[in-house]
């Protein structure tokens, strides 16, 4: 029988990866809740992605840093390359993934399996946003709204 050690001096570090383009209240909700579960939560803003992003990596990192300013155990970092390499460099043991709907599960389940093959010590924790943050707006609407806000702030608030 395998004995499971329940106490450890090792810092419990979780990585929450994503493009965060833009960062939403749902993202903040997941990080806030994860911050109660782990010693440190790293919001890992992906730089190299197949997605066409509205904001640059630097802008997305800065936006996330502003959102998480008051969280003592949350740090925001940009990264490019393989997520599993970043996770290992941060000495994290866990990746947090958000599930908005049941349709997200199949993709995330497969991704978790691939990540575990690349880094066998890794665990994946699936979290769902609180009810008030489950968005009924399609992604294009959120991107359009973000673009509009950015345009207004660039040209009309100077």
N, C-alpha and C. Protein backbone atom coordinates (compact mmCIF):
# COMPACT_ATOMS: atom_id res chain seq x y z
N UNK A 1 0.84 -1.17 0.00
CA UNK A 1 0.00 0.00 0.00
C UNK A 1 0.89 1.24 0.00
N UNK A 2 0.50 2.25 -0.78
CA UNK A 2 1.25 3.48 -0.88
C UNK A 2 0.79 4.45 0.19
N UNK A 3 1.76 5.00 0.90
CA UNK A 3 1.44 5.97 1.93
C UNK A 3 1.46 7.37 1.31
N UNK A 4 0.42 8.13 1.55
CA UNK A 4 0.32 9.49 1.03
C UNK A 4 0.73 10.45 2.13
N UNK A 5 1.73 11.27 1.83
CA UNK A 5 2.20 12.25 2.80
C UNK A 5 1.25 13.45 2.74
N UNK A 6 0.70 13.82 3.88
CA UNK A 6 -0.29 14.89 3.92
C UNK A 6 0.30 16.24 4.29
N UNK A 7 1.48 16.25 4.88
CA UNK A 7 2.11 17.52 5.21
C UNK A 7 3.38 17.67 4.39
N UNK A 8 3.64 18.89 4.00
CA UNK A 8 4.81 19.14 3.18
C UNK A 8 5.27 20.57 3.40
N UNK A 9 6.56 20.75 3.37
CA UNK A 9 7.12 22.09 3.48
C UNK A 9 7.23 22.74 2.11
N UNK A 10 6.96 21.97 1.08
CA UNK A 10 7.05 22.47 -0.28
C UNK A 10 5.90 23.44 -0.55
N UNK A 11 6.23 24.55 -1.17
CA UNK A 11 5.25 25.57 -1.51
C UNK A 11 4.31 25.04 -2.59
N UNK A 12 3.01 25.20 -2.36
CA UNK A 12 2.00 24.75 -3.34
C UNK A 12 1.78 25.86 -4.36
N UNK A 13 2.27 25.62 -5.60
CA UNK A 13 2.21 26.63 -6.65
C UNK A 13 1.32 26.12 -7.78
N UNK A 14 0.36 26.97 -8.17
CA UNK A 14 -0.55 26.65 -9.27
C UNK A 14 -0.35 27.69 -10.38
N UNK A 15 -0.46 27.23 -11.62
CA UNK A 15 -0.36 28.11 -12.78
C UNK A 15 -1.72 28.15 -13.47
N UNK A 16 -2.20 29.35 -13.73
CA UNK A 16 -3.45 29.54 -14.46
C UNK A 16 -3.10 30.19 -15.80
N UNK A 17 -2.99 29.36 -16.87
CA UNK A 17 -2.58 29.89 -18.17
C UNK A 17 -3.75 30.36 -19.02
N UNK A 18 -3.46 31.27 -19.92
CA UNK A 18 -4.47 31.72 -20.86
C UNK A 18 -3.97 32.91 -21.65
N UNK A 19 -4.74 33.30 -22.65
CA UNK A 19 -4.38 34.50 -23.39
C UNK A 19 -4.88 35.74 -22.67
N UNK A 20 -5.96 35.63 -21.92
CA UNK A 20 -6.52 36.74 -21.15
C UNK A 20 -6.68 37.98 -22.04
N UNK A 21 -7.37 37.78 -23.15
CA UNK A 21 -7.54 38.83 -24.17
C UNK A 21 -9.01 39.09 -24.43
N UNK A 22 -9.63 39.86 -23.62
CA UNK A 22 -9.14 40.56 -22.43
C UNK A 22 -9.39 39.72 -21.18
N UNK A 23 -8.81 40.14 -20.09
CA UNK A 23 -9.07 39.48 -18.81
C UNK A 23 -10.50 39.84 -18.39
N UNK A 24 -11.21 38.89 -17.81
CA UNK A 24 -12.62 39.07 -17.48
C UNK A 24 -12.87 38.89 -15.99
N UNK A 25 -14.08 39.22 -15.57
CA UNK A 25 -14.47 38.97 -14.18
C UNK A 25 -14.47 37.48 -13.88
N UNK A 26 -14.77 36.66 -14.88
CA UNK A 26 -14.71 35.21 -14.69
C UNK A 26 -13.30 34.74 -14.40
N UNK A 27 -12.31 35.30 -15.11
CA UNK A 27 -10.91 34.96 -14.83
C UNK A 27 -10.54 35.38 -13.40
N UNK A 28 -10.93 36.60 -13.04
CA UNK A 28 -10.62 37.08 -11.69
C UNK A 28 -11.27 36.19 -10.63
N UNK A 29 -12.49 35.77 -10.88
CA UNK A 29 -13.20 34.90 -9.95
C UNK A 29 -12.43 33.61 -9.71
N UNK A 30 -11.96 32.98 -10.79
CA UNK A 30 -11.21 31.73 -10.64
C UNK A 30 -9.91 31.94 -9.88
N UNK A 31 -9.20 33.02 -10.19
CA UNK A 31 -7.93 33.30 -9.51
C UNK A 31 -8.17 33.60 -8.04
N UNK A 32 -9.19 34.39 -7.75
CA UNK A 32 -9.50 34.72 -6.35
C UNK A 32 -9.76 33.45 -5.55
N UNK A 33 -10.53 32.54 -6.13
CA UNK A 33 -10.85 31.30 -5.41
C UNK A 33 -9.63 30.40 -5.30
N UNK A 34 -8.81 30.34 -6.36
CA UNK A 34 -7.60 29.53 -6.33
C UNK A 34 -6.59 30.07 -5.33
N UNK A 35 -6.57 31.39 -5.16
CA UNK A 35 -5.63 32.01 -4.22
C UNK A 35 -5.88 31.55 -2.79
N UNK A 36 -7.08 31.10 -2.49
CA UNK A 36 -7.40 30.56 -1.15
C UNK A 36 -6.92 29.12 -1.00
N UNK A 37 -6.66 28.46 -2.13
CA UNK A 37 -6.30 27.04 -2.10
C UNK A 37 -4.80 26.79 -2.16
N UNK A 38 -4.05 27.76 -2.71
CA UNK A 38 -2.62 27.54 -2.97
C UNK A 38 -1.78 28.64 -2.33
N UNK A 39 -0.51 28.31 -2.09
CA UNK A 39 0.42 29.28 -1.54
C UNK A 39 0.70 30.39 -2.56
N UNK A 40 0.74 30.01 -3.82
CA UNK A 40 1.01 30.98 -4.88
C UNK A 40 0.24 30.58 -6.14
N UNK A 41 -0.35 31.57 -6.79
CA UNK A 41 -1.02 31.36 -8.07
C UNK A 41 -0.33 32.26 -9.08
N UNK A 42 0.13 31.64 -10.16
CA UNK A 42 0.77 32.39 -11.23
C UNK A 42 -0.20 32.49 -12.39
N UNK A 43 -0.59 33.71 -12.73
CA UNK A 43 -1.41 33.95 -13.91
C UNK A 43 -0.43 34.04 -15.07
N UNK A 44 -0.44 33.02 -15.93
CA UNK A 44 0.52 32.90 -17.01
C UNK A 44 -0.11 33.36 -18.32
N UNK A 45 0.28 34.55 -18.76
CA UNK A 45 -0.30 35.14 -19.96
C UNK A 45 0.50 34.65 -21.17
N UNK A 46 -0.19 33.93 -22.05
CA UNK A 46 0.46 33.31 -23.20
C UNK A 46 0.80 34.32 -24.28
N UNK A 47 2.05 34.30 -24.70
CA UNK A 47 2.50 35.20 -25.76
C UNK A 47 2.43 34.56 -27.13
N UNK A 48 2.87 33.33 -27.23
CA UNK A 48 2.85 32.65 -28.53
C UNK A 48 1.59 31.80 -28.59
N UNK A 49 0.68 32.23 -29.42
CA UNK A 49 -0.60 31.55 -29.53
C UNK A 49 -1.08 31.61 -30.97
N UNK A 50 -1.91 30.68 -31.33
CA UNK A 50 -2.50 30.68 -32.68
C UNK A 50 -3.66 31.66 -32.78
N UNK A 51 -4.09 32.18 -31.64
CA UNK A 51 -5.20 33.13 -31.64
C UNK A 51 -4.71 34.52 -32.05
N UNK A 52 -5.54 35.21 -32.80
CA UNK A 52 -5.25 36.62 -33.10
C UNK A 52 -5.73 37.42 -31.90
N UNK A 53 -4.81 38.07 -31.21
CA UNK A 53 -5.17 38.78 -29.99
C UNK A 53 -5.44 40.25 -30.27
N UNK A 54 -6.33 40.79 -29.49
CA UNK A 54 -6.68 42.21 -29.58
C UNK A 54 -5.59 43.06 -28.94
N UNK A 55 -5.08 42.60 -27.80
CA UNK A 55 -4.05 43.33 -27.07
C UNK A 55 -2.71 42.61 -27.20
N UNK A 56 -1.62 43.37 -27.14
CA UNK A 56 -0.29 42.78 -27.19
C UNK A 56 -0.03 42.02 -25.88
N UNK A 57 1.00 41.20 -25.87
CA UNK A 57 1.35 40.46 -24.65
C UNK A 57 1.62 41.43 -23.51
N UNK A 58 2.39 42.47 -23.76
CA UNK A 58 2.71 43.45 -22.73
C UNK A 58 1.45 44.11 -22.17
N UNK A 59 0.50 44.45 -23.04
CA UNK A 59 -0.75 45.07 -22.58
C UNK A 59 -1.57 44.10 -21.75
N UNK A 60 -1.63 42.84 -22.18
CA UNK A 60 -2.40 41.84 -21.44
C UNK A 60 -1.80 41.57 -20.07
N UNK A 61 -0.47 41.54 -20.00
CA UNK A 61 0.20 41.36 -18.71
C UNK A 61 -0.09 42.55 -17.80
N UNK A 62 0.01 43.76 -18.34
CA UNK A 62 -0.26 44.96 -17.53
C UNK A 62 -1.70 45.00 -17.03
N UNK A 63 -2.65 44.64 -17.89
CA UNK A 63 -4.05 44.62 -17.47
C UNK A 63 -4.26 43.62 -16.33
N UNK A 64 -3.67 42.44 -16.48
CA UNK A 64 -3.82 41.41 -15.44
C UNK A 64 -3.14 41.86 -14.15
N UNK A 65 -1.99 42.50 -14.25
CA UNK A 65 -1.30 42.98 -13.05
C UNK A 65 -2.16 44.00 -12.31
N UNK A 66 -2.85 44.86 -13.04
CA UNK A 66 -3.74 45.83 -12.40
C UNK A 66 -4.89 45.14 -11.68
N UNK A 67 -5.45 44.11 -12.32
CA UNK A 67 -6.58 43.39 -11.73
C UNK A 67 -6.16 42.70 -10.42
N UNK A 68 -4.95 42.14 -10.40
CA UNK A 68 -4.53 41.33 -9.25
C UNK A 68 -3.59 42.06 -8.29
N UNK A 69 -3.57 43.38 -8.35
CA UNK A 69 -2.69 44.17 -7.48
C UNK A 69 -2.89 43.85 -6.00
N UNK A 70 -4.09 43.68 -5.55
CA UNK A 70 -4.36 43.47 -4.13
C UNK A 70 -4.22 42.04 -3.64
N UNK A 71 -3.78 41.14 -4.49
CA UNK A 71 -3.65 39.73 -4.13
C UNK A 71 -2.18 39.45 -3.79
N UNK A 72 -1.89 39.18 -2.52
CA UNK A 72 -0.51 38.97 -2.09
C UNK A 72 0.14 37.72 -2.68
N UNK A 73 -0.64 36.68 -2.92
CA UNK A 73 -0.05 35.43 -3.39
C UNK A 73 -0.34 35.15 -4.87
N UNK A 74 -0.65 36.20 -5.62
CA UNK A 74 -0.88 36.07 -7.06
C UNK A 74 0.17 36.88 -7.79
N UNK A 75 0.78 36.24 -8.77
CA UNK A 75 1.76 36.93 -9.59
C UNK A 75 1.39 36.73 -11.04
N UNK A 76 1.63 37.74 -11.86
CA UNK A 76 1.29 37.71 -13.29
C UNK A 76 2.59 37.68 -14.08
N UNK A 77 2.68 36.74 -15.00
CA UNK A 77 3.88 36.62 -15.83
C UNK A 77 3.49 36.32 -17.27
N UNK A 78 4.18 36.92 -18.20
CA UNK A 78 4.01 36.55 -19.60
C UNK A 78 4.94 35.40 -19.91
N UNK A 79 4.55 34.57 -20.87
CA UNK A 79 5.44 33.48 -21.29
C UNK A 79 5.19 33.16 -22.74
N UNK A 80 6.20 32.57 -23.37
CA UNK A 80 6.04 32.04 -24.72
C UNK A 80 6.70 30.67 -24.74
N UNK A 81 6.29 29.86 -25.66
CA UNK A 81 6.82 28.50 -25.69
C UNK A 81 5.83 27.52 -25.07
N UNK A 82 6.34 26.36 -24.71
CA UNK A 82 5.48 25.32 -24.15
C UNK A 82 5.06 25.63 -22.72
N UNK A 83 3.79 25.46 -22.46
CA UNK A 83 3.27 25.68 -21.11
C UNK A 83 3.97 24.77 -20.11
N UNK A 84 4.18 23.51 -20.45
CA UNK A 84 4.78 22.58 -19.49
C UNK A 84 6.20 22.98 -19.13
N UNK A 85 6.92 23.57 -20.06
CA UNK A 85 8.26 24.07 -19.75
C UNK A 85 8.16 25.23 -18.76
N UNK A 86 7.22 26.13 -18.99
CA UNK A 86 7.00 27.25 -18.07
C UNK A 86 6.61 26.75 -16.68
N UNK A 87 5.71 25.79 -16.63
CA UNK A 87 5.25 25.23 -15.35
C UNK A 87 6.42 24.64 -14.57
N UNK A 88 7.27 23.90 -15.26
CA UNK A 88 8.44 23.30 -14.59
C UNK A 88 9.41 24.37 -14.11
N UNK A 89 9.63 25.41 -14.93
CA UNK A 89 10.53 26.50 -14.54
C UNK A 89 10.03 27.20 -13.28
N UNK A 90 8.72 27.27 -13.11
CA UNK A 90 8.12 27.92 -11.94
C UNK A 90 8.01 26.97 -10.74
N UNK A 91 8.40 25.71 -10.94
CA UNK A 91 8.31 24.66 -9.92
C UNK A 91 6.88 24.48 -9.42
N UNK A 92 5.94 24.61 -10.35
CA UNK A 92 4.52 24.45 -10.01
C UNK A 92 4.14 22.97 -10.11
N UNK A 93 3.12 22.61 -9.37
CA UNK A 93 2.64 21.23 -9.35
C UNK A 93 1.27 21.10 -10.01
N UNK A 94 0.67 22.22 -10.34
CA UNK A 94 -0.72 22.16 -10.78
C UNK A 94 -1.03 23.24 -11.80
N UNK A 95 -1.89 22.89 -12.74
CA UNK A 95 -2.41 23.84 -13.72
C UNK A 95 -3.91 23.98 -13.48
N UNK A 96 -4.37 25.21 -13.44
CA UNK A 96 -5.80 25.49 -13.27
C UNK A 96 -6.39 25.75 -14.64
N UNK A 97 -7.52 25.14 -14.91
CA UNK A 97 -8.23 25.37 -16.16
C UNK A 97 -9.68 25.70 -15.82
N UNK A 98 -10.21 26.69 -16.50
CA UNK A 98 -11.59 27.09 -16.29
C UNK A 98 -12.52 26.39 -17.27
N UNK A 99 -13.64 25.94 -16.78
CA UNK A 99 -14.67 25.31 -17.61
C UNK A 99 -15.91 26.17 -17.55
N UNK A 100 -16.30 26.75 -18.69
CA UNK A 100 -17.49 27.59 -18.72
C UNK A 100 -18.75 26.77 -18.98
N UNK A 101 -18.58 25.71 -19.75
CA UNK A 101 -19.74 24.87 -20.11
C UNK A 101 -19.27 23.43 -20.27
N UNK A 102 -20.21 22.52 -20.29
CA UNK A 102 -19.87 21.11 -20.45
C UNK A 102 -19.10 20.86 -21.74
N UNK A 103 -19.36 21.67 -22.75
CA UNK A 103 -18.69 21.50 -24.05
C UNK A 103 -17.19 21.76 -23.95
N UNK A 104 -16.73 22.49 -22.94
CA UNK A 104 -15.30 22.74 -22.75
C UNK A 104 -14.57 21.50 -22.23
N UNK A 105 -15.30 20.59 -21.58
CA UNK A 105 -14.65 19.50 -20.86
C UNK A 105 -13.86 18.57 -21.76
N UNK A 106 -14.39 18.16 -22.89
CA UNK A 106 -13.70 17.20 -23.76
C UNK A 106 -12.34 17.71 -24.19
N UNK A 107 -12.28 18.94 -24.65
CA UNK A 107 -11.00 19.54 -25.07
C UNK A 107 -10.04 19.62 -23.88
N UNK A 108 -10.52 20.13 -22.76
CA UNK A 108 -9.67 20.30 -21.58
C UNK A 108 -9.19 18.96 -21.02
N UNK A 109 -10.03 17.95 -21.09
CA UNK A 109 -9.66 16.61 -20.64
C UNK A 109 -8.50 16.06 -21.48
N UNK A 110 -8.58 16.22 -22.79
CA UNK A 110 -7.51 15.77 -23.68
C UNK A 110 -6.23 16.56 -23.44
N UNK A 111 -6.36 17.86 -23.26
CA UNK A 111 -5.21 18.72 -22.99
C UNK A 111 -4.53 18.31 -21.68
N UNK A 112 -5.31 18.02 -20.66
CA UNK A 112 -4.75 17.59 -19.37
C UNK A 112 -3.96 16.29 -19.53
N UNK A 113 -4.48 15.38 -20.33
CA UNK A 113 -3.77 14.12 -20.58
C UNK A 113 -2.44 14.33 -21.30
N UNK A 114 -2.45 15.20 -22.30
CA UNK A 114 -1.20 15.50 -23.03
C UNK A 114 -0.19 16.18 -22.10
N UNK A 115 -0.66 17.11 -21.29
CA UNK A 115 0.23 17.80 -20.36
C UNK A 115 0.84 16.84 -19.35
N UNK A 116 0.06 15.88 -18.89
CA UNK A 116 0.56 14.90 -17.94
C UNK A 116 1.64 14.02 -18.57
N UNK A 117 1.49 13.74 -19.87
CA UNK A 117 2.54 12.95 -20.56
C UNK A 117 3.83 13.75 -20.66
N UNK A 118 3.72 15.06 -20.86
CA UNK A 118 4.91 15.91 -20.95
C UNK A 118 5.54 16.15 -19.58
N UNK A 119 4.71 16.17 -18.54
CA UNK A 119 5.18 16.46 -17.19
C UNK A 119 4.38 15.60 -16.21
N UNK A 120 4.84 14.35 -15.97
CA UNK A 120 4.07 13.39 -15.17
C UNK A 120 3.73 13.83 -13.75
N UNK A 121 4.48 14.75 -13.16
CA UNK A 121 4.20 15.20 -11.79
C UNK A 121 3.07 16.23 -11.74
N UNK A 122 2.57 16.62 -12.89
CA UNK A 122 1.57 17.67 -12.97
C UNK A 122 0.16 17.16 -12.72
N UNK A 123 -0.63 17.97 -12.03
CA UNK A 123 -2.05 17.74 -11.89
C UNK A 123 -2.79 18.91 -12.52
N UNK A 124 -4.01 18.66 -12.97
CA UNK A 124 -4.85 19.71 -13.54
C UNK A 124 -6.10 19.82 -12.69
N UNK A 125 -6.44 21.04 -12.32
CA UNK A 125 -7.63 21.31 -11.53
C UNK A 125 -8.60 22.09 -12.40
N UNK A 126 -9.80 21.56 -12.58
CA UNK A 126 -10.83 22.25 -13.35
C UNK A 126 -11.73 23.03 -12.39
N UNK A 127 -11.89 24.32 -12.67
CA UNK A 127 -12.77 25.16 -11.88
C UNK A 127 -13.83 25.77 -12.79
N UNK A 128 -15.01 25.94 -12.25
CA UNK A 128 -16.06 26.62 -12.99
C UNK A 128 -16.27 27.99 -12.36
N UNK A 129 -16.58 28.99 -13.16
CA UNK A 129 -16.80 30.32 -12.58
C UNK A 129 -18.08 30.34 -11.75
N UNK A 130 -18.14 31.28 -10.83
CA UNK A 130 -19.37 31.49 -10.08
C UNK A 130 -20.48 31.83 -11.05
N UNK A 131 -21.72 31.54 -10.66
CA UNK A 131 -22.87 31.72 -11.56
C UNK A 131 -22.94 33.10 -12.19
N UNK A 132 -22.63 34.14 -11.41
CA UNK A 132 -22.76 35.50 -11.94
C UNK A 132 -21.72 35.84 -13.00
N UNK A 133 -20.69 34.98 -13.16
CA UNK A 133 -19.64 35.26 -14.14
C UNK A 133 -19.68 34.33 -15.35
N UNK A 134 -20.67 33.47 -15.40
CA UNK A 134 -20.80 32.62 -16.59
C UNK A 134 -21.39 33.49 -17.68
N UNK A 135 -20.58 33.73 -18.68
CA UNK A 135 -20.95 34.68 -19.73
C UNK A 135 -21.88 34.03 -20.74
N UNK A 136 -22.89 34.79 -21.13
CA UNK A 136 -23.77 34.32 -22.20
C UNK A 136 -23.42 35.04 -23.51
N UNK A 137 -22.37 35.88 -23.45
CA UNK A 137 -21.97 36.61 -24.65
C UNK A 137 -20.93 35.82 -25.42
N UNK A 138 -21.07 35.74 -26.75
CA UNK A 138 -20.05 35.04 -27.53
C UNK A 138 -18.71 35.79 -27.46
N UNK A 139 -17.63 35.05 -27.70
CA UNK A 139 -16.29 35.62 -27.60
C UNK A 139 -16.11 36.83 -28.52
N UNK A 140 -16.70 36.81 -29.70
CA UNK A 140 -16.54 37.95 -30.62
C UNK A 140 -17.12 39.22 -30.03
N UNK A 141 -18.21 39.09 -29.26
CA UNK A 141 -18.83 40.27 -28.66
C UNK A 141 -17.91 40.87 -27.61
N UNK A 142 -17.30 40.02 -26.79
CA UNK A 142 -16.38 40.50 -25.76
C UNK A 142 -15.19 41.19 -26.42
N UNK A 143 -14.66 40.60 -27.49
CA UNK A 143 -13.53 41.21 -28.20
C UNK A 143 -13.92 42.54 -28.81
N UNK A 144 -15.10 42.60 -29.41
CA UNK A 144 -15.56 43.85 -30.01
C UNK A 144 -15.71 44.92 -28.94
N UNK A 145 -16.33 44.57 -27.83
CA UNK A 145 -16.52 45.52 -26.75
C UNK A 145 -15.18 46.01 -26.21
N UNK A 146 -14.21 45.10 -26.08
CA UNK A 146 -12.88 45.48 -25.62
C UNK A 146 -12.22 46.43 -26.59
N UNK A 147 -12.38 46.16 -27.88
CA UNK A 147 -11.81 47.03 -28.90
C UNK A 147 -12.42 48.42 -28.79
N UNK A 148 -13.74 48.48 -28.63
CA UNK A 148 -14.43 49.77 -28.54
C UNK A 148 -13.95 50.57 -27.33
N UNK A 149 -13.81 49.91 -26.19
CA UNK A 149 -13.33 50.58 -24.98
C UNK A 149 -11.90 51.08 -25.19
N UNK A 150 -11.08 50.25 -25.80
CA UNK A 150 -9.68 50.65 -26.06
C UNK A 150 -9.64 51.85 -27.00
N UNK A 151 -10.43 51.83 -28.05
CA UNK A 151 -10.45 52.92 -29.02
C UNK A 151 -10.88 54.22 -28.34
N UNK A 152 -11.91 54.14 -27.54
CA UNK A 152 -12.39 55.33 -26.84
C UNK A 152 -11.31 55.87 -25.90
N UNK A 153 -10.65 54.98 -25.17
CA UNK A 153 -9.63 55.44 -24.23
C UNK A 153 -8.42 56.02 -24.94
N UNK A 154 -8.06 55.49 -26.10
CA UNK A 154 -6.90 56.00 -26.84
C UNK A 154 -7.14 57.36 -27.45
N UNK A 155 -8.33 57.58 -27.97
CA UNK A 155 -8.59 58.79 -28.75
C UNK A 155 -9.43 59.84 -28.05
N UNK A 156 -10.14 59.48 -27.04
CA UNK A 156 -11.07 60.44 -26.44
C UNK A 156 -10.75 60.81 -24.99
N UNK A 157 -9.81 60.15 -24.39
CA UNK A 157 -9.51 60.43 -22.99
C UNK A 157 -8.14 61.08 -22.81
N UNK A 158 -7.61 61.65 -23.84
CA UNK A 158 -6.29 62.27 -23.75
C UNK A 158 -6.37 63.69 -23.33
